[in-house]
C-alpha cells in the first residue's frame, strides 16, 4: 500500500481508533518494561531462596520476616523519616530558587534552569563520591574550618546527616524544576491585585501563589520522596554502618546474601509504603484551588 493510501485509510478511522494506534507503542513499552517486571517481583516475593536458587514454594514467610524483624522495621522507619525530611527541605529550598528565576531571571531564565541540569552530566556515584571530598574528615568543609582556626567536624561523614545532605544535593534540581514549570504559567498580576486590596507579600504568597501552584509542589515532593525512600547508593557511601536505609538493605538481598525472594518482598512493601504516603499527601490538594492559571507571566 502506498503512503497516500495509508493516509486515506488513516482519515477514515474514527478518533478512538486513531488514539489506540498512537498510544499502542507507548502502552506496549510500559507493559513490557514496567508492568511485567513489577508483576514478576510480586510473584517471586511469594517464593523462597535456597543457596542462591529460586524455589517455587508459595508462602508468605518473606513478608512475615520483613514485617516482624526489628532491624527491617528500623530501616523502614529510618528511611521514611529521612525521605520526608529530604523532601520537605528540598521543597523549602526549591521554592525561593524557582520563584527568583521566574520573577527576576528575565531573558536568562532558560539558562538558569539549564544550569540546574549541570550535575546530571556526571553519574550519581561520581556526585556522591564528590560529596565525600566536601564532608570528609579532611574534606573541603573541615579544611575551611581549620583555616579559620576552628575545630574540624568529626561526626559529619558516615552519618545519617551526611546521607540526608547527599539526598538533598541529588534531588533538589528535580523539585526546583517542577515548581519552576508550575510558576511558568502563573499570572503574577494576581499578586498585584491582592496587594491593591491590602494583602501583604506573605499573605499574597500563602493565599494565592502557594495554592495555585500546589500541584507543582506535590509533583516535586513525589519526585524526591520516592527515590529517597529507596535510596541505596547514597547511604552506602555517606551513611556508614549506622546509616543503613531500607533500600540499601533491600539491595543487599540481591547481591551479597542472594536471598532474592526476600528482597522482592521488601520491594513490594516499599512500593506500598510509598504509595500510601503519596496518596495521603495527594488528599491534601484542593483541586479547585490548584493547578495552572492558564496565563503566562509577562514580567
C-alpha atoms as a PDB file:
ATOM      1  CA  UNK A   1       0.000   0.000   0.000  1.00  0.00           C
ATOM      2  CA  UNK A   2       1.302   3.427  -0.924  1.00  0.00           C
ATOM      3  CA  UNK A   3       1.806   6.299   1.504  1.00  0.00           C
ATOM      4  CA  UNK A   4      -1.184   8.152   0.088  1.00  0.00           C
ATOM      5  CA  UNK A   5      -3.309   5.037   0.564  1.00  0.00           C
ATOM      6  CA  UNK A   6      -2.246   4.769   4.188  1.00  0.00           C
ATOM      7  CA  UNK A   7      -3.081   8.434   4.670  1.00  0.00           C
ATOM      8  CA  UNK A   8      -6.584   7.976   3.227  1.00  0.00           C
ATOM      9  CA  UNK A   9      -7.095   4.930   5.441  1.00  0.00           C
ATOM     10  CA  UNK A  10      -5.983   6.972   8.453  1.00  0.00           C
ATOM     11  CA  UNK A  11      -8.549   9.682   7.623  1.00  0.00           C
ATOM     12  CA  UNK A  12     -11.312   7.076   7.521  1.00  0.00           C
ATOM     13  CA  UNK A  13     -10.589   5.951  11.083  1.00  0.00           C
ATOM     14  CA  UNK A  14     -12.564   7.449  13.930  1.00  0.00           C
ATOM     15  CA  UNK A  15     -10.877   9.325  16.793  1.00  0.00           C
ATOM     16  CA  UNK A  16     -10.928   6.298  19.116  1.00  0.00           C
ATOM     17  CA  UNK A  17      -9.104   4.088  16.615  1.00  0.00           C
ATOM     18  CA  UNK A  18      -6.503   6.791  15.998  1.00  0.00           C
ATOM     19  CA  UNK A  19      -5.971   7.186  19.717  1.00  0.00           C
ATOM     20  CA  UNK A  20      -5.435   3.443  20.170  1.00  0.00           C
ATOM     21  CA  UNK A  21      -2.953   3.272  17.303  1.00  0.00           C
ATOM     22  CA  UNK A  22      -0.950   6.256  18.537  1.00  0.00           C
ATOM     23  CA  UNK A  23      -0.790   5.048  22.127  1.00  0.00           C
ATOM     24  CA  UNK A  24      -0.149   1.380  21.318  1.00  0.00           C
ATOM     25  CA  UNK A  25       3.688   1.664  21.178  1.00  0.00           C
ATOM     26  CA  UNK A  26       3.856   3.517  24.489  1.00  0.00           C
ATOM     27  CA  UNK A  27       1.405   1.119  26.102  1.00  0.00           C
ATOM     28  CA  UNK A  28       3.357  -1.892  24.876  1.00  0.00           C
ATOM     29  CA  UNK A  29       6.610  -0.398  26.163  1.00  0.00           C
ATOM     30  CA  UNK A  30       5.134   0.268  29.633  1.00  0.00           C
ATOM     31  CA  UNK A  31       3.626  -3.203  29.842  1.00  0.00           C
ATOM     32  CA  UNK A  32       6.853  -4.982  28.840  1.00  0.00           C
ATOM     33  CA  UNK A  33       9.315  -2.910  30.831  1.00  0.00           C
ATOM     34  CA  UNK A  34       7.247  -1.684  33.787  1.00  0.00           C
ATOM     35  CA  UNK A  35       4.165  -3.791  34.488  1.00  0.00           C
ATOM     36  CA  UNK A  36       5.720  -7.198  33.713  1.00  0.00           C
ATOM     37  CA  UNK A  37       8.841  -6.611  35.884  1.00  0.00           C
ATOM     38  CA  UNK A  38       6.672  -5.428  38.771  1.00  0.00           C
ATOM     39  CA  UNK A  39       4.443  -8.473  38.477  1.00  0.00           C
ATOM     40  CA  UNK A  40       7.492 -10.744  38.378  1.00  0.00           C
ATOM     41  CA  UNK A  41       8.801  -9.154  41.581  1.00  0.00           C
ATOM     42  CA  UNK A  42       5.403  -9.720  43.186  1.00  0.00           C
ATOM     43  CA  UNK A  43       5.390 -13.386  42.152  1.00  0.00           C
ATOM     44  CA  UNK A  44       8.972 -14.022  43.304  1.00  0.00           C
ATOM     45  CA  UNK A  45       8.191 -12.460  46.685  1.00  0.00           C
ATOM     46  CA  UNK A  46       5.968 -15.455  47.462  1.00  0.00           C
ATOM     47  CA  UNK A  47       8.704 -17.972  46.638  1.00  0.00           C
ATOM     48  CA  UNK A  48      11.780 -18.877  48.651  1.00  0.00           C
ATOM     49  CA  UNK A  49      15.503 -18.841  48.002  1.00  0.00           C
ATOM     50  CA  UNK A  50      17.877 -21.656  48.860  1.00  0.00           C
ATOM     51  CA  UNK A  51      21.627 -21.456  48.094  1.00  0.00           C
ATOM     52  CA  UNK A  52      21.125 -18.605  45.613  1.00  0.00           C
ATOM     53  CA  UNK A  53      18.418 -20.577  43.817  1.00  0.00           C
ATOM     54  CA  UNK A  54      14.781 -19.527  43.481  1.00  0.00           C
ATOM     55  CA  UNK A  55      12.393 -22.303  44.502  1.00  0.00           C
ATOM     56  CA  UNK A  56       8.718 -22.201  43.595  1.00  0.00           C
ATOM     57  CA  UNK A  57       7.243 -22.716  47.044  1.00  0.00           C
ATOM     58  CA  UNK A  58       4.283 -20.398  47.592  1.00  0.00           C
ATOM     59  CA  UNK A  59       4.310 -18.902  51.097  1.00  0.00           C
ATOM     60  CA  UNK A  60       4.207 -15.590  52.983  1.00  0.00           C
ATOM     61  CA  UNK A  61       7.322 -16.181  55.085  1.00  0.00           C
ATOM     62  CA  UNK A  62       9.215 -13.410  53.324  1.00  0.00           C
ATOM     63  CA  UNK A  63       6.568 -10.849  54.240  1.00  0.00           C
ATOM     64  CA  UNK A  64       6.404 -12.197  57.772  1.00  0.00           C
ATOM     65  CA  UNK A  65      10.143 -11.684  58.135  1.00  0.00           C
ATOM     66  CA  UNK A  66      10.069  -8.177  56.660  1.00  0.00           C
ATOM     67  CA  UNK A  67       7.220  -7.069  58.915  1.00  0.00           C
ATOM     68  CA  UNK A  68       8.370  -8.739  62.144  1.00  0.00           C
ATOM     69  CA  UNK A  69      12.172  -8.480  62.026  1.00  0.00           C
ATOM     70  CA  UNK A  70      13.151  -5.490  64.229  1.00  0.00           C
ATOM     71  CA  UNK A  71      16.089  -4.484  62.015  1.00  0.00           C
ATOM     72  CA  UNK A  72      13.899  -4.188  58.922  1.00  0.00           C
ATOM     73  CA  UNK A  73      11.371  -2.084  60.824  1.00  0.00           C
ATOM     74  CA  UNK A  74      14.205   0.158  61.979  1.00  0.00           C
ATOM     75  CA  UNK A  75      15.488   0.522  58.418  1.00  0.00           C
ATOM     76  CA  UNK A  76      11.984   1.330  57.153  1.00  0.00           C
ATOM     77  CA  UNK A  77      11.286   3.946  59.831  1.00  0.00           C
ATOM     78  CA  UNK A  78      14.709   5.488  59.276  1.00  0.00           C
ATOM     79  CA  UNK A  79      14.147   5.567  55.513  1.00  0.00           C
ATOM     80  CA  UNK A  80      10.667   7.034  55.874  1.00  0.00           C
ATOM     81  CA  UNK A  81      11.834   9.809  58.196  1.00  0.00           C
ATOM     82  CA  UNK A  82      14.844  10.572  56.000  1.00  0.00           C
ATOM     83  CA  UNK A  83      12.716  10.705  52.839  1.00  0.00           C
ATOM     84  CA  UNK A  84      10.174  13.037  54.470  1.00  0.00           C
ATOM     85  CA  UNK A  85      12.911  15.335  55.797  1.00  0.00           C
ATOM     86  CA  UNK A  86      14.752  15.392  52.466  1.00  0.00           C
ATOM     87  CA  UNK A  87      11.549  16.084  50.516  1.00  0.00           C
ATOM     88  CA  UNK A  88      10.429  18.852  52.880  1.00  0.00           C
ATOM     89  CA  UNK A  89      13.844  20.543  52.840  1.00  0.00           C
ATOM     90  CA  UNK A  90      14.030  20.293  49.046  1.00  0.00           C
ATOM     91  CA  UNK A  91      10.610  21.943  48.720  1.00  0.00           C
ATOM     92  CA  UNK A  92      11.613  24.701  51.161  1.00  0.00           C
ATOM     93  CA  UNK A  93      14.826  25.380  49.229  1.00  0.00           C
ATOM     94  CA  UNK A  94      13.360  24.957  45.750  1.00  0.00           C
ATOM     95  CA  UNK A  95      10.542  27.487  46.164  1.00  0.00           C
ATOM     96  CA  UNK A  96      12.717  30.606  46.576  1.00  0.00           C
ATOM     97  CA  UNK A  97      15.072  29.399  43.826  1.00  0.00           C
ATOM     98  CA  UNK A  98      12.268  28.800  41.328  1.00  0.00           C
ATOM     99  CA  UNK A  99      10.475  31.992  42.344  1.00  0.00           C
ATOM    100  CA  UNK A 100      13.640  34.069  41.889  1.00  0.00           C
ATOM    101  CA  UNK A 101      14.304  32.560  38.440  1.00  0.00           C
ATOM    102  CA  UNK A 102      10.750  33.255  37.280  1.00  0.00           C
ATOM    103  CA  UNK A 103      10.496  36.785  38.682  1.00  0.00           C
ATOM    104  CA  UNK A 104      13.995  38.103  38.129  1.00  0.00           C
ATOM    105  CA  UNK A 105      15.624  35.755  35.633  1.00  0.00           C
ATOM    106  CA  UNK A 106      14.496  37.782  32.658  1.00  0.00           C
ATOM    107  CA  UNK A 107      15.966  36.538  29.403  1.00  0.00           C
ATOM    108  CA  UNK A 108      18.354  34.323  31.374  1.00  0.00           C
ATOM    109  CA  UNK A 109      15.580  32.158  32.861  1.00  0.00           C
ATOM    110  CA  UNK A 110      16.157  29.274  30.474  1.00  0.00           C
ATOM    111  CA  UNK A 111      19.908  29.447  31.050  1.00  0.00           C
ATOM    112  CA  UNK A 112      19.403  29.328  34.822  1.00  0.00           C
ATOM    113  CA  UNK A 113      17.095  26.323  34.546  1.00  0.00           C
ATOM    114  CA  UNK A 114      19.561  24.526  32.305  1.00  0.00           C
ATOM    115  CA  UNK A 115      22.194  25.245  34.939  1.00  0.00           C
ATOM    116  CA  UNK A 116      20.222  23.026  37.305  1.00  0.00           C
ATOM    117  CA  UNK A 117      20.916  20.116  34.967  1.00  0.00           C
ATOM    118  CA  UNK A 118      24.700  20.544  35.067  1.00  0.00           C
ATOM    119  CA  UNK A 119      25.172  17.985  37.907  1.00  0.00           C
ATOM    120  CA  UNK A 120      23.407  15.374  35.775  1.00  0.00           C
ATOM    121  CA  UNK A 121      26.268  15.463  33.270  1.00  0.00           C
ATOM    122  CA  UNK A 122      28.014  13.054  35.647  1.00  0.00           C
ATOM    123  CA  UNK A 123      26.793   9.793  37.172  1.00  0.00           C
ATOM    124  CA  UNK A 124      25.213   9.554  40.596  1.00  0.00           C
ATOM    125  CA  UNK A 125      28.159   7.589  42.005  1.00  0.00           C
ATOM    126  CA  UNK A 126      30.627  10.293  40.979  1.00  0.00           C
ATOM    127  CA  UNK A 127      28.432  13.008  42.503  1.00  0.00           C
ATOM    128  CA  UNK A 128      28.135  11.135  45.790  1.00  0.00           C
ATOM    129  CA  UNK A 129      31.882  10.475  45.901  1.00  0.00           C
ATOM    130  CA  UNK A 130      32.443  14.187  45.258  1.00  0.00           C
ATOM    131  CA  UNK A 131      30.442  14.900  48.414  1.00  0.00           C
ATOM    132  CA  UNK A 132      32.910  12.750  50.340  1.00  0.00           C
ATOM    133  CA  UNK A 133      35.554  15.259  49.339  1.00  0.00           C
ATOM    134  CA  UNK A 134      33.420  18.009  50.867  1.00  0.00           C
ATOM    135  CA  UNK A 135      32.117  16.324  54.018  1.00  0.00           C
ATOM    136  CA  UNK A 136      35.050  14.004  54.794  1.00  0.00           C
ATOM    137  CA  UNK A 137      37.448  14.369  57.762  1.00  0.00           C
ATOM    138  CA  UNK A 138      39.943  16.188  55.530  1.00  0.00           C
ATOM    139  CA  UNK A 139      37.340  17.457  53.111  1.00  0.00           C
ATOM    140  CA  UNK A 140      36.743  20.965  51.872  1.00  0.00           C
ATOM    141  CA  UNK A 141      34.427  21.883  54.754  1.00  0.00           C
ATOM    142  CA  UNK A 142      36.812  20.823  57.516  1.00  0.00           C
ATOM    143  CA  UNK A 143      39.804  22.370  55.754  1.00  0.00           C
ATOM    144  CA  UNK A 144      37.913  25.658  55.597  1.00  0.00           C
ATOM    145  CA  UNK A 145      37.065  25.456  59.300  1.00  0.00           C
ATOM    146  CA  UNK A 146      40.686  24.770  60.198  1.00  0.00           C
ATOM    147  CA  UNK A 147      41.807  27.706  58.061  1.00  0.00           C
ATOM    148  CA  UNK A 148      39.524  29.883  60.190  1.00  0.00           C
ATOM    149  CA  UNK A 149      41.068  28.486  63.363  1.00  0.00           C
ATOM    150  CA  UNK A 150      38.030  26.354  64.241  1.00  0.00           C
ATOM    151  CA  UNK A 151      37.927  22.689  65.184  1.00  0.00           C
ATOM    152  CA  UNK A 152      37.024  20.283  62.344  1.00  0.00           C
ATOM    153  CA  UNK A 153      33.738  18.410  62.427  1.00  0.00           C
ATOM    154  CA  UNK A 154      34.491  14.806  63.337  1.00  0.00           C
ATOM    155  CA  UNK A 155      30.941  13.419  63.209  1.00  0.00           C
ATOM    156  CA  UNK A 156      29.666  14.684  59.854  1.00  0.00           C
ATOM    157  CA  UNK A 157      30.849  11.974  57.480  1.00  0.00           C
ATOM    158  CA  UNK A 158      29.359   8.456  57.594  1.00  0.00           C
ATOM    159  CA  UNK A 159      26.262   9.566  59.488  1.00  0.00           C
ATOM    160  CA  UNK A 160      22.544   9.856  58.801  1.00  0.00           C
ATOM    161  CA  UNK A 161      23.077  13.614  58.456  1.00  0.00           C
ATOM    162  CA  UNK A 162      25.551  13.063  55.625  1.00  0.00           C
ATOM    163  CA  UNK A 163      23.011  10.828  53.885  1.00  0.00           C
ATOM    164  CA  UNK A 164      20.303  13.483  54.162  1.00  0.00           C
ATOM    165  CA  UNK A 165      22.658  16.171  52.841  1.00  0.00           C
ATOM    166  CA  UNK A 166      23.615  13.923  49.936  1.00  0.00           C
ATOM    167  CA  UNK A 167      19.998  13.177  49.027  1.00  0.00           C
ATOM    168  CA  UNK A 168      19.092  16.877  49.161  1.00  0.00           C
ATOM    169  CA  UNK A 169      22.001  17.642  46.856  1.00  0.00           C
ATOM    170  CA  UNK A 170      20.909  14.927  44.404  1.00  0.00           C
ATOM    171  CA  UNK A 171      17.194  15.702  44.187  1.00  0.00           C
ATOM    172  CA  UNK A 172      16.913  19.465  44.727  1.00  0.00           C
ATOM    173  CA  UNK A 173      17.083  20.131  40.944  1.00  0.00           C
ATOM    174  CA  UNK A 174      14.025  17.900  40.384  1.00  0.00           C
ATOM    175  CA  UNK A 175      11.876  19.836  42.848  1.00  0.00           C
ATOM    176  CA  UNK A 176      13.100  23.198  41.595  1.00  0.00           C
ATOM    177  CA  UNK A 177      12.265  22.278  38.005  1.00  0.00           C
ATOM    178  CA  UNK A 178       8.772  21.049  38.931  1.00  0.00           C
ATOM    179  CA  UNK A 179       7.956  24.257  40.818  1.00  0.00           C
ATOM    180  CA  UNK A 180       9.516  26.373  38.061  1.00  0.00           C
ATOM    181  CA  UNK A 181       7.284  24.742  35.427  1.00  0.00           C
ATOM    182  CA  UNK A 182       4.259  25.398  37.615  1.00  0.00           C
ATOM    183  CA  UNK A 183       5.170  29.060  38.120  1.00  0.00           C
ATOM    184  CA  UNK A 184       5.889  29.433  34.410  1.00  0.00           C
ATOM    185  CA  UNK A 185       2.140  29.545  33.725  1.00  0.00           C
ATOM    186  CA  UNK A 186       1.233  31.549  36.797  1.00  0.00           C
ATOM    187  CA  UNK A 187      -0.237  35.042  36.301  1.00  0.00           C
ATOM    188  CA  UNK A 188       1.678  37.273  38.710  1.00  0.00           C
ATOM    189  CA  UNK A 189      -0.849  40.047  38.120  1.00  0.00           C
ATOM    190  CA  UNK A 190      -2.977  38.200  40.674  1.00  0.00           C
ATOM    191  CA  UNK A 191      -0.410  39.175  43.306  1.00  0.00           C
ATOM    192  CA  UNK A 192      -0.588  42.814  42.243  1.00  0.00           C
ATOM    193  CA  UNK A 193      -4.370  42.689  42.542  1.00  0.00           C
ATOM    194  CA  UNK A 194      -4.105  41.162  46.012  1.00  0.00           C
ATOM    195  CA  UNK A 195      -1.734  43.905  47.132  1.00  0.00           C
ATOM    196  CA  UNK A 196      -4.126  46.542  45.834  1.00  0.00           C
ATOM    197  CA  UNK A 197      -6.756  45.133  48.183  1.00  0.00           C
ATOM    198  CA  UNK A 198      -4.371  45.313  51.141  1.00  0.00           C
ATOM    199  CA  UNK A 199      -2.691  41.902  51.207  1.00  0.00           C
ATOM    200  CA  UNK A 200       0.976  41.829  52.212  1.00  0.00           C
ATOM    201  CA  UNK A 201       3.658  39.819  50.454  1.00  0.00           C
ATOM    202  CA  UNK A 202       3.425  36.884  52.884  1.00  0.00           C
ATOM    203  CA  UNK A 203      -0.374  36.727  52.801  1.00  0.00           C
ATOM    204  CA  UNK A 204      -0.429  37.017  48.993  1.00  0.00           C
ATOM    205  CA  UNK A 205       2.005  34.117  48.747  1.00  0.00           C
ATOM    206  CA  UNK A 206       0.134  31.808  51.122  1.00  0.00           C
ATOM    207  CA  UNK A 207      -3.340  32.587  49.777  1.00  0.00           C
ATOM    208  CA  UNK A 208      -2.617  32.915  46.042  1.00  0.00           C
ATOM    209  CA  UNK A 209       0.812  31.775  44.842  1.00  0.00           C
ATOM    210  CA  UNK A 210       1.058  28.651  47.000  1.00  0.00           C
ATOM    211  CA  UNK A 211      -2.472  27.247  46.429  1.00  0.00           C
ATOM    212  CA  UNK A 212      -2.399  27.848  42.670  1.00  0.00           C
ATOM    213  CA  UNK A 213       0.954  26.067  42.358  1.00  0.00           C
ATOM    214  CA  UNK A 214       0.332  23.332  44.926  1.00  0.00           C
ATOM    215  CA  UNK A 215       0.263  20.615  42.270  1.00  0.00           C
ATOM    216  CA  UNK A 216       3.775  21.501  41.107  1.00  0.00           C
ATOM    217  CA  UNK A 217       4.926  21.316  44.712  1.00  0.00           C
ATOM    218  CA  UNK A 218       3.362  17.880  45.198  1.00  0.00           C
ATOM    219  CA  UNK A 219       4.958  16.612  41.989  1.00  0.00           C
ATOM    220  CA  UNK A 220       8.346  17.869  43.141  1.00  0.00           C
ATOM    221  CA  UNK A 221       7.792  16.302  46.560  1.00  0.00           C
ATOM    222  CA  UNK A 222       6.949  12.946  44.966  1.00  0.00           C
ATOM    223  CA  UNK A 223       9.976  13.109  42.646  1.00  0.00           C
ATOM    224  CA  UNK A 224      12.136  13.429  45.741  1.00  0.00           C
ATOM    225  CA  UNK A 225      10.293  11.221  48.208  1.00  0.00           C
ATOM    226  CA  UNK A 226      10.141   8.029  46.136  1.00  0.00           C
ATOM    227  CA  UNK A 227      13.857   7.779  45.193  1.00  0.00           C
ATOM    228  CA  UNK A 228      14.920   8.966  48.661  1.00  0.00           C
ATOM    229  CA  UNK A 229      12.821   6.248  50.291  1.00  0.00           C
ATOM    230  CA  UNK A 230      14.502   3.589  48.137  1.00  0.00           C
ATOM    231  CA  UNK A 231      17.988   5.149  48.213  1.00  0.00           C
ATOM    232  CA  UNK A 232      20.856   2.658  48.279  1.00  0.00           C
ATOM    233  CA  UNK A 233      23.938   4.291  46.760  1.00  0.00           C
ATOM    234  CA  UNK A 234      23.922   7.460  48.870  1.00  0.00           C
ATOM    235  CA  UNK A 235      23.666   5.750  52.289  1.00  0.00           C
ATOM    236  CA  UNK A 236      26.279   3.222  51.193  1.00  0.00           C
ATOM    237  CA  UNK A 237      28.886   5.919  50.505  1.00  0.00           C
ATOM    238  CA  UNK A 238      27.841   8.543  53.062  1.00  0.00           C
ATOM    239  CA  UNK A 239      25.778   6.843  55.776  1.00  0.00           C
ATOM    240  CA  UNK A 240      28.189   4.321  57.235  1.00  0.00           C
ATOM    241  CA  UNK A 241      27.210   1.368  59.414  1.00  0.00           C
ATOM    242  CA  UNK A 242      24.683   3.359  61.460  1.00  0.00           C
ATOM    243  CA  UNK A 243      23.088   4.977  58.417  1.00  0.00           C
ATOM    244  CA  UNK A 244      21.758   1.885  56.654  1.00  0.00           C
ATOM    245  CA  UNK A 245      18.425   2.556  54.962  1.00  0.00           C
ATOM    246  CA  UNK A 246      15.763   0.144  53.767  1.00  0.00           C
ATOM    247  CA  UNK A 247      16.803   0.467  50.111  1.00  0.00           C
ATOM    248  CA  UNK A 248      20.398  -0.462  50.916  1.00  0.00           C
ATOM    249  CA  UNK A 249      19.273  -3.490  52.946  1.00  0.00           C
ATOM    250  CA  UNK A 250      16.964  -4.496  50.100  1.00  0.00           C
ATOM    251  CA  UNK A 251      19.757  -4.204  47.541  1.00  0.00           C
ATOM    252  CA  UNK A 252      21.998  -6.469  49.595  1.00  0.00           C
ATOM    253  CA  UNK A 253      19.415  -9.266  49.263  1.00  0.00           C
ATOM    254  CA  UNK A 254      20.029  -9.316  45.514  1.00  0.00           C
ATOM    255  CA  UNK A 255      23.834  -9.173  45.784  1.00  0.00           C
ATOM    256  CA  UNK A 256      25.650 -10.106  48.980  1.00  0.00           C
ATOM    257  CA  UNK A 257      23.190 -12.555  50.538  1.00  0.00           C
ATOM    258  CA  UNK A 258      21.468 -13.773  47.364  1.00  0.00           C
ATOM    259  CA  UNK A 259      18.059 -14.011  49.066  1.00  0.00           C
ATOM    260  CA  UNK A 260      16.170 -12.712  46.054  1.00  0.00           C
ATOM    261  CA  UNK A 261      12.703 -13.688  47.232  1.00  0.00           C
ATOM    262  CA  UNK A 262      13.170 -11.770  50.490  1.00  0.00           C
ATOM    263  CA  UNK A 263      14.468  -8.782  48.529  1.00  0.00           C
ATOM    264  CA  UNK A 264      11.413  -8.966  46.283  1.00  0.00           C
ATOM    265  CA  UNK A 265       9.122  -8.930  49.321  1.00  0.00           C
ATOM    266  CA  UNK A 266      10.997  -5.908  50.669  1.00  0.00           C
ATOM    267  CA  UNK A 267      10.487  -4.187  47.323  1.00  0.00           C
ATOM    268  CA  UNK A 268       6.746  -4.830  47.398  1.00  0.00           C
ATOM    269  CA  UNK A 269       6.483  -3.494  50.947  1.00  0.00           C
ATOM    270  CA  UNK A 270       8.493  -0.425  49.950  1.00  0.00           C
ATOM    271  CA  UNK A 271       6.187   0.157  46.984  1.00  0.00           C
ATOM    272  CA  UNK A 272       3.054   0.079  49.122  1.00  0.00           C
ATOM    273  CA  UNK A 273       4.554   2.334  51.808  1.00  0.00           C
ATOM    274  CA  UNK A 274       5.459   4.925  49.164  1.00  0.00           C
ATOM    275  CA  UNK A 275       2.007   4.626  47.564  1.00  0.00           C
ATOM    276  CA  UNK A 276       0.225   5.117  50.901  1.00  0.00           C
ATOM    277  CA  UNK A 277       2.268   8.209  51.795  1.00  0.00           C
ATOM    278  CA  UNK A 278       1.814   9.782  48.371  1.00  0.00           C
ATOM    279  CA  UNK A 279      -1.915   9.029  48.440  1.00  0.00           C
ATOM    280  CA  UNK A 280      -2.220  10.704  51.832  1.00  0.00           C
ATOM    281  CA  UNK A 281      -0.365  13.766  50.529  1.00  0.00           C
ATOM    282  CA  UNK A 282      -2.500  13.914  47.378  1.00  0.00           C
ATOM    283  CA  UNK A 283      -5.626  14.065  49.542  1.00  0.00           C
ATOM    284  CA  UNK A 284      -4.328  17.370  50.888  1.00  0.00           C
ATOM    285  CA  UNK A 285      -4.514  19.002  47.451  1.00  0.00           C
ATOM    286  CA  UNK A 286      -7.572  21.168  46.832  1.00  0.00           C
ATOM    287  CA  UNK A 287      -8.164  20.651  43.110  1.00  0.00           C
ATOM    288  CA  UNK A 288     -10.437  23.695  42.935  1.00  0.00           C
ATOM    289  CA  UNK A 289      -7.607  25.951  44.116  1.00  0.00           C
ATOM    290  CA  UNK A 290      -4.591  24.309  42.498  1.00  0.00           C
ATOM    291  CA  UNK A 291      -3.051  23.924  39.086  1.00  0.00           C
ATOM    292  CA  UNK A 292      -2.252  26.301  36.303  1.00  0.00           C
ATOM    293  CA  UNK A 293      -3.913  29.648  35.835  1.00  0.00           C
ATOM    294  CA  UNK A 294      -3.619  29.346  32.098  1.00  0.00           C
ATOM    295  CA  UNK A 295      -1.988  32.737  31.621  1.00  0.00           C
ATOM    296  CA  UNK A 296       1.734  33.118  31.127  1.00  0.00           C
ATOM    297  CA  UNK A 297       3.654  35.660  33.147  1.00  0.00           C
ATOM    298  CA  UNK A 298       4.801  38.736  31.241  1.00  0.00           C
ATOM    299  CA  UNK A 299       7.045  40.075  33.980  1.00  0.00           C
END
